[in-house]
Amino acid sequence: MNCWISSLGAVALAWTGIAQAQTSLGQLLDHGAVRLSPAEVQALGDVRYRRHAADADAYMTLRADGTVVGMVHNRQGHGSSEAVGTWQVDGNGRRCADVELPAFRMRMQQCGYTFRLGANVYFAPSDSDRSVVVTHHAGPAFLE
């Protein structure tokens, strides 16, 4: 579970845009993606992540007001947990989230950069490591 939690912000979702499989930052940049400035990241408003993996399903919304809400369902019989926390953007445009999963007695901290390719928005844990997997913004903010 710890490995899964540490990579929550860098997993593949249902892709629209450049690929249906996991996409690397290098592939994204090769297609012309640009990194968003701190002001552009703030202006995105609510953003939603949805992750389905072998060990767990996660639904997270980073709200425009700087809070994080969501739910994580463990597929290995460990139940579910609410996800609550905060996020902020630093001067370099790096967005960092600090999220607690109370039922699992876990806390995760995740930072990454935001990129735009056409109308699509992606998140990556690095702005220079071309091999990292990017996460696609899942669309309007709501929990399914």
Protein backbone atom coordinates (compact mmCIF):
# COMPACT_ATOMS: atom_id res chain seq x y z
CA MET A 1 0.00 0.00 0.00
CA ASN A 2 2.82 2.48 0.79
CA CYS A 3 4.29 2.12 -2.71
CA TRP A 4 0.87 2.75 -4.21
CA ILE A 5 0.26 5.83 -2.06
CA SER A 6 3.64 7.36 -2.92
CA SER A 7 2.87 7.17 -6.62
CA LEU A 8 -0.74 8.35 -6.46
CA GLY A 9 -0.04 11.64 -8.22
CA ALA A 10 1.89 10.03 -11.08
CA VAL A 11 -0.35 7.27 -12.37
CA ALA A 12 -2.18 6.91 -15.65
CA LEU A 13 -5.88 7.63 -15.99
CA ALA A 14 -8.32 7.20 -18.85
CA TRP A 15 -6.27 9.07 -21.44
CA THR A 16 -7.57 11.57 -23.90
CA GLY A 17 -5.16 13.28 -26.19
CA ILE A 18 -1.84 11.64 -27.00
CA ALA A 19 -2.21 8.01 -25.91
CA GLN A 20 -4.39 5.33 -24.35
CA ALA A 21 -1.51 3.82 -22.33
CA GLN A 22 0.84 5.32 -19.77
CA THR A 23 2.56 8.37 -21.18
CA SER A 24 5.95 9.73 -20.14
CA LEU A 25 6.86 13.37 -19.67
CA GLY A 26 9.24 13.02 -22.63
CA GLN A 27 6.42 11.90 -24.93
CA LEU A 28 4.27 14.76 -23.70
CA LEU A 29 7.02 17.33 -24.30
CA ASP A 30 7.80 15.85 -27.73
CA HIS A 31 4.17 16.57 -28.67
CA GLY A 32 4.58 20.23 -27.64
CA ALA A 33 3.32 20.32 -24.04
CA VAL A 34 4.26 23.37 -21.99
CA ARG A 35 4.66 23.70 -18.21
CA LEU A 36 2.13 26.00 -16.56
CA SER A 37 3.18 28.98 -14.46
CA PRO A 38 2.11 29.25 -10.80
CA ALA A 39 -0.71 31.64 -11.79
CA GLU A 40 -1.91 29.25 -14.51
CA VAL A 41 -1.94 26.33 -12.06
CA GLN A 42 -3.99 28.36 -9.56
CA ALA A 43 -6.39 29.40 -12.34
CA LEU A 44 -7.26 25.77 -13.20
CA GLY A 45 -9.85 25.69 -10.43
CA ASP A 46 -10.97 22.28 -9.14
CA VAL A 47 -9.11 19.32 -10.65
CA ARG A 48 -10.05 15.69 -10.32
CA TYR A 49 -7.97 12.52 -10.34
CA ARG A 50 -9.31 9.05 -10.77
CA ARG A 51 -7.01 6.05 -10.44
CA HIS A 52 -7.85 2.38 -10.83
CA ALA A 53 -5.03 -0.04 -10.00
CA ALA A 54 -4.64 -3.65 -8.94
CA ASP A 55 -4.31 -2.72 -5.27
CA ALA A 56 -6.71 0.22 -4.89
CA ASP A 57 -9.04 2.71 -6.52
CA ALA A 58 -8.70 6.39 -5.67
CA TYR A 59 -10.89 9.39 -6.36
CA MET A 60 -9.40 12.77 -5.42
CA THR A 61 -10.41 16.36 -6.01
CA LEU A 62 -7.97 19.22 -5.51
CA ARG A 63 -10.33 22.11 -4.92
CA ALA A 64 -9.60 25.66 -6.01
CA ASP A 65 -9.72 26.74 -2.34
CA GLY A 66 -6.59 24.68 -1.55
CA THR A 67 -8.31 21.68 0.02
CA VAL A 68 -8.20 18.04 -1.07
CA VAL A 69 -11.11 15.62 -0.68
CA GLY A 70 -11.60 12.10 -1.89
CA MET A 71 -11.87 8.40 -1.19
CA VAL A 72 -9.49 5.46 -1.49
CA HIS A 73 -10.86 1.91 -1.74
CA ASN A 74 -8.32 -0.85 -1.07
CA ARG A 75 -8.92 -3.94 -3.25
CA GLN A 76 -6.97 -6.27 -0.95
CA GLY A 77 -9.50 -6.33 1.87
CA HIS A 78 -8.23 -3.39 3.89
CA GLY A 79 -11.40 -1.32 3.47
CA SER A 80 -11.72 2.29 2.42
CA SER A 81 -10.60 5.64 3.70
CA GLU A 82 -11.66 9.20 3.25
CA ALA A 83 -8.87 11.40 1.87
CA VAL A 84 -8.58 14.92 3.28
CA GLY A 85 -5.86 17.52 3.06
CA THR A 86 -4.50 20.66 1.50
CA TRP A 87 -2.48 21.69 -1.54
CA GLN A 88 -0.49 24.73 -2.62
CA VAL A 89 1.66 25.97 -5.51
CA ASP A 90 5.21 27.26 -5.00
CA GLY A 91 6.99 29.98 -6.96
CA ASN A 92 8.24 27.50 -9.58
CA GLY A 93 4.74 26.21 -10.33
CA ARG A 94 5.23 22.98 -8.38
CA ARG A 95 1.95 21.87 -6.80
CA CYS A 96 2.29 20.00 -3.50
CA ALA A 97 -0.50 18.11 -1.75
CA ASP A 98 -0.50 16.90 1.86
CA VAL A 99 -3.25 14.28 2.27
CA GLU A 100 -4.33 12.09 5.19
CA LEU A 101 -6.04 8.71 4.87
CA PRO A 102 -7.40 8.37 8.43
CA ALA A 103 -8.78 4.83 8.15
CA PHE A 104 -5.38 3.59 6.95
CA ARG A 105 -3.53 5.79 9.48
CA MET A 106 -1.45 7.13 6.60
CA ARG A 107 -0.32 10.50 5.38
CA MET A 108 1.03 11.18 1.91
CA GLN A 109 2.84 14.15 0.52
CA GLN A 110 3.10 14.50 -3.23
CA CYS A 111 4.52 17.27 -5.40
CA GLY A 112 4.48 17.73 -9.15
CA TYR A 113 4.29 20.06 -12.12
CA THR A 114 1.37 20.86 -14.40
CA PHE A 115 1.60 20.73 -18.20
CA ARG A 116 -0.84 21.65 -20.96
CA LEU A 117 -1.06 20.02 -24.37
CA GLY A 118 -3.87 21.56 -26.39
CA ALA A 119 -7.00 21.43 -24.24
CA ASN A 120 -5.59 18.65 -22.03
CA VAL A 121 -3.89 19.15 -18.66
CA TYR A 122 -1.34 16.69 -17.24
CA PHE A 123 0.60 16.37 -13.98
CA ALA A 124 4.13 14.99 -13.57
CA PRO A 125 6.31 14.46 -10.47
CA SER A 126 9.25 16.10 -12.29
CA ASP A 127 9.63 18.84 -14.87
CA SER A 128 12.94 17.47 -16.18
CA ASP A 129 12.95 13.65 -15.90
CA ARG A 130 11.56 12.63 -19.29
CA SER A 131 10.93 9.06 -18.10
CA VAL A 132 8.36 9.86 -15.38
CA VAL A 133 4.76 8.86 -16.03
CA VAL A 134 2.30 11.73 -16.35
CA THR A 135 -1.28 11.82 -15.04
CA HIS A 136 -4.09 13.27 -17.12
CA HIS A 137 -6.53 15.73 -15.50
CA ALA A 138 -9.78 13.80 -15.35
CA GLY A 139 -12.15 16.68 -16.13
CA PRO A 140 -14.76 18.54 -14.10
CA ALA A 141 -14.38 18.09 -10.36
CA PHE A 142 -16.74 15.62 -8.75
CA LEU A 143 -16.42 12.28 -7.00
CA GLU A 144 -17.98 9.34 -8.77
